[in-house]
Amino acid sequence: MNAEIKQEQAISYFTVLISDIHNVDNYNDDMPVCFVKADNTKIDSNHNIGISDPIITNPYAGSMTGSYAWKGFMYLWTNYNPVTIEVSELSEEIKNEIEELPHYPDSGSIVVRDGVIIVNF
């Protein structure tokens, strides 16, 4: 049961994230997305409801939203698979601006710059 709850939490988290991306000003479905992660390894959904310790299931390594496979999970369960680009592909000006952005899910953490949707985790 714990695994099912964790899975539902992860699906809900990604559904809200995708909705937030779609609702950003100047959104266009053809735009690439740059997911900026502070530690470049995981996304923390902070959705632990305290039933027990996280379920460790390969390839999720403890968290369905915080593993290396989160994009695959998101695609599998929500069918959202945008073209993505890496931070290294962004201009220096945009990289500097990202440092000042709030972190998701705070308002302003998803922006469009130079035709790229930037999600700052």
C-alpha atoms as a PDB file:
ATOM      1  CA  MET A   1       0.000   0.000   0.000  1.00  0.00           C
ATOM      2  CA  ASN A   2       2.829   2.395   0.771  1.00  0.00           C
ATOM      3  CA  ALA A   3       4.220   1.968  -2.728  1.00  0.00           C
ATOM      4  CA  GLU A   4       0.815   2.741  -4.234  1.00  0.00           C
ATOM      5  CA  ILE A   5       0.508   5.898  -2.148  1.00  0.00           C
ATOM      6  CA  LYS A   6       4.014   7.023  -3.116  1.00  0.00           C
ATOM      7  CA  GLN A   7       3.194   6.386  -6.764  1.00  0.00           C
ATOM      8  CA  GLU A   8      -0.029   8.398  -6.541  1.00  0.00           C
ATOM      9  CA  GLN A   9       1.852  11.229  -4.813  1.00  0.00           C
ATOM     10  CA  ALA A  10       4.445  11.285  -7.578  1.00  0.00           C
ATOM     11  CA  ILE A  11       1.789  11.252 -10.306  1.00  0.00           C
ATOM     12  CA  SER A  12      -0.034  14.117  -8.579  1.00  0.00           C
ATOM     13  CA  TYR A  13       3.193  16.089  -8.191  1.00  0.00           C
ATOM     14  CA  PHE A  14       4.059  15.751 -11.881  1.00  0.00           C
ATOM     15  CA  THR A  15       0.496  16.531 -12.973  1.00  0.00           C
ATOM     16  CA  VAL A  16       0.616  19.810 -11.040  1.00  0.00           C
ATOM     17  CA  LEU A  17       4.106  20.561 -12.406  1.00  0.00           C
ATOM     18  CA  ILE A  18       2.934  20.012 -15.980  1.00  0.00           C
ATOM     19  CA  SER A  19      -0.115  22.221 -15.383  1.00  0.00           C
ATOM     20  CA  ASP A  20       2.151  24.930 -13.983  1.00  0.00           C
ATOM     21  CA  ILE A  21       4.383  24.685 -17.057  1.00  0.00           C
ATOM     22  CA  HIS A  22       1.386  24.924 -19.393  1.00  0.00           C
ATOM     23  CA  ASN A  23       0.070  27.971 -17.534  1.00  0.00           C
ATOM     24  CA  VAL A  24       3.263  30.061 -17.646  1.00  0.00           C
ATOM     25  CA  ASP A  25       2.988  33.321 -19.594  1.00  0.00           C
ATOM     26  CA  ASN A  26       3.874  32.976 -23.298  1.00  0.00           C
ATOM     27  CA  TYR A  27       3.761  29.144 -23.164  1.00  0.00           C
ATOM     28  CA  ASN A  28       3.991  27.329 -26.479  1.00  0.00           C
ATOM     29  CA  ASP A  29       3.915  23.544 -26.785  1.00  0.00           C
ATOM     30  CA  ASP A  30       6.840  23.611 -29.219  1.00  0.00           C
ATOM     31  CA  MET A  31       9.218  25.226 -26.715  1.00  0.00           C
ATOM     32  CA  PRO A  32      11.988  23.136 -25.177  1.00  0.00           C
ATOM     33  CA  VAL A  33      12.099  22.841 -21.391  1.00  0.00           C
ATOM     34  CA  CYS A  34      15.162  23.307 -19.217  1.00  0.00           C
ATOM     35  CA  PHE A  35      14.773  21.669 -15.805  1.00  0.00           C
ATOM     36  CA  VAL A  36      17.235  23.405 -13.497  1.00  0.00           C
ATOM     37  CA  LYS A  37      18.042  21.385 -10.395  1.00  0.00           C
ATOM     38  CA  ALA A  38      20.018  22.880  -7.546  1.00  0.00           C
ATOM     39  CA  ASP A  39      22.009  19.692  -6.916  1.00  0.00           C
ATOM     40  CA  ASN A  40      21.652  18.418 -10.498  1.00  0.00           C
ATOM     41  CA  THR A  41      20.637  14.979  -9.254  1.00  0.00           C
ATOM     42  CA  LYS A  42      17.123  14.948  -7.896  1.00  0.00           C
ATOM     43  CA  ILE A  43      13.850  16.732  -7.427  1.00  0.00           C
ATOM     44  CA  ASP A  44      12.333  16.698  -3.969  1.00  0.00           C
ATOM     45  CA  SER A  45       8.555  16.765  -3.992  1.00  0.00           C
ATOM     46  CA  ASN A  46       8.282  17.129  -0.199  1.00  0.00           C
ATOM     47  CA  HIS A  47       5.196  14.946  -0.357  1.00  0.00           C
ATOM     48  CA  ASN A  48       6.026  12.427   2.357  1.00  0.00           C
ATOM     49  CA  ILE A  49       2.855  11.651   4.273  1.00  0.00           C
ATOM     50  CA  GLY A  50       4.717   9.697   6.958  1.00  0.00           C
ATOM     51  CA  ILE A  51       3.259   6.229   6.505  1.00  0.00           C
ATOM     52  CA  SER A  52       6.714   4.676   6.652  1.00  0.00           C
ATOM     53  CA  ASP A  53      10.162   5.096   5.199  1.00  0.00           C
ATOM     54  CA  PRO A  54      10.291   5.672   1.433  1.00  0.00           C
ATOM     55  CA  ILE A  55       9.810   2.618  -0.715  1.00  0.00           C
ATOM     56  CA  ILE A  56      13.034   1.740  -2.508  1.00  0.00           C
ATOM     57  CA  THR A  57      12.250   0.336  -5.919  1.00  0.00           C
ATOM     58  CA  ASN A  58      14.614   0.226  -8.840  1.00  0.00           C
ATOM     59  CA  PRO A  59      14.991   2.394 -10.810  1.00  0.00           C
ATOM     60  CA  TYR A  60      13.521   4.891  -8.371  1.00  0.00           C
ATOM     61  CA  ALA A  61      16.184   4.529  -5.648  1.00  0.00           C
ATOM     62  CA  GLY A  62      13.927   5.638  -2.829  1.00  0.00           C
ATOM     63  CA  SER A  63      11.783   8.348  -4.342  1.00  0.00           C
ATOM     64  CA  MET A  64       9.695   8.371  -7.464  1.00  0.00           C
ATOM     65  CA  THR A  65      10.151  12.124  -7.881  1.00  0.00           C
ATOM     66  CA  GLY A  66      13.707  12.341  -6.652  1.00  0.00           C
ATOM     67  CA  SER A  67      15.525   9.751  -8.713  1.00  0.00           C
ATOM     68  CA  TYR A  68      17.544   9.818 -11.881  1.00  0.00           C
ATOM     69  CA  ALA A  69      14.525   8.308 -13.672  1.00  0.00           C
ATOM     70  CA  TRP A  70      11.987  11.017 -12.832  1.00  0.00           C
ATOM     71  CA  LYS A  71      11.573  12.176 -16.433  1.00  0.00           C
ATOM     72  CA  GLY A  72      10.803   8.633 -17.559  1.00  0.00           C
ATOM     73  CA  PHE A  73       8.336   8.207 -14.723  1.00  0.00           C
ATOM     74  CA  MET A  74       6.670  11.499 -15.625  1.00  0.00           C
ATOM     75  CA  TYR A  75       6.329  10.411 -19.265  1.00  0.00           C
ATOM     76  CA  LEU A  76       5.084   6.937 -18.352  1.00  0.00           C
ATOM     77  CA  TRP A  77       2.341   8.167 -16.031  1.00  0.00           C
ATOM     78  CA  THR A  78       1.382  11.533 -17.556  1.00  0.00           C
ATOM     79  CA  ASN A  79       2.460  11.208 -21.205  1.00  0.00           C
ATOM     80  CA  TYR A  80       4.425  14.463 -20.893  1.00  0.00           C
ATOM     81  CA  ASN A  81       7.712  14.204 -22.749  1.00  0.00           C
ATOM     82  CA  PRO A  82       8.922  17.646 -23.803  1.00  0.00           C
ATOM     83  CA  VAL A  83      12.077  18.339 -25.715  1.00  0.00           C
ATOM     84  CA  THR A  84      14.581  19.277 -23.025  1.00  0.00           C
ATOM     85  CA  ILE A  85      17.814  21.206 -23.040  1.00  0.00           C
ATOM     86  CA  GLU A  86      20.584  21.446 -20.480  1.00  0.00           C
ATOM     87  CA  VAL A  87      21.549  24.556 -18.539  1.00  0.00           C
ATOM     88  CA  SER A  88      24.880  24.519 -20.366  1.00  0.00           C
ATOM     89  CA  GLU A  89      22.999  25.319 -23.597  1.00  0.00           C
ATOM     90  CA  LEU A  90      21.563  28.562 -22.189  1.00  0.00           C
ATOM     91  CA  SER A  91      23.123  31.983 -22.628  1.00  0.00           C
ATOM     92  CA  GLU A  92      25.233  33.405 -19.803  1.00  0.00           C
ATOM     93  CA  GLU A  93      22.609  36.106 -19.314  1.00  0.00           C
ATOM     94  CA  ILE A  94      19.883  33.523 -18.697  1.00  0.00           C
ATOM     95  CA  LYS A  95      22.154  31.432 -16.446  1.00  0.00           C
ATOM     96  CA  ASN A  96      22.735  34.514 -14.309  1.00  0.00           C
ATOM     97  CA  GLU A  97      19.010  35.243 -14.192  1.00  0.00           C
ATOM     98  CA  ILE A  98      18.256  31.682 -13.055  1.00  0.00           C
ATOM     99  CA  GLU A  99      20.318  32.257  -9.919  1.00  0.00           C
ATOM    100  CA  GLU A 100      17.798  34.919  -8.891  1.00  0.00           C
ATOM    101  CA  LEU A 101      14.665  32.863  -9.631  1.00  0.00           C
ATOM    102  CA  PRO A 102      12.663  31.353  -6.770  1.00  0.00           C
ATOM    103  CA  HIS A 103      12.570  27.558  -6.513  1.00  0.00           C
ATOM    104  CA  TYR A 104       9.628  25.458  -7.630  1.00  0.00           C
ATOM    105  CA  PRO A 105       6.777  25.452  -6.606  1.00  0.00           C
ATOM    106  CA  ASP A 106       7.076  29.150  -5.722  1.00  0.00           C
ATOM    107  CA  SER A 107       5.547  31.723  -8.038  1.00  0.00           C
ATOM    108  CA  GLY A 108       8.056  32.846 -10.658  1.00  0.00           C
ATOM    109  CA  SER A 109      10.049  29.602 -10.631  1.00  0.00           C
ATOM    110  CA  ILE A 110       8.826  28.755 -14.157  1.00  0.00           C
ATOM    111  CA  VAL A 111       9.595  31.347 -16.825  1.00  0.00           C
ATOM    112  CA  VAL A 112      10.012  31.614 -20.566  1.00  0.00           C
ATOM    113  CA  ARG A 113      13.299  33.108 -21.766  1.00  0.00           C
ATOM    114  CA  ASP A 114      14.492  33.187 -25.376  1.00  0.00           C
ATOM    115  CA  GLY A 115      11.931  30.578 -26.400  1.00  0.00           C
ATOM    116  CA  VAL A 116      12.866  28.158 -23.615  1.00  0.00           C
ATOM    117  CA  ILE A 117      10.694  27.186 -20.652  1.00  0.00           C
ATOM    118  CA  ILE A 118      12.871  27.234 -17.551  1.00  0.00           C
ATOM    119  CA  VAL A 119      11.780  25.344 -14.443  1.00  0.00           C
ATOM    120  CA  ASN A 120      13.981  26.217 -11.474  1.00  0.00           C
ATOM    121  CA  PHE A 121      13.874  23.502  -8.810  1.00  0.00           C
END
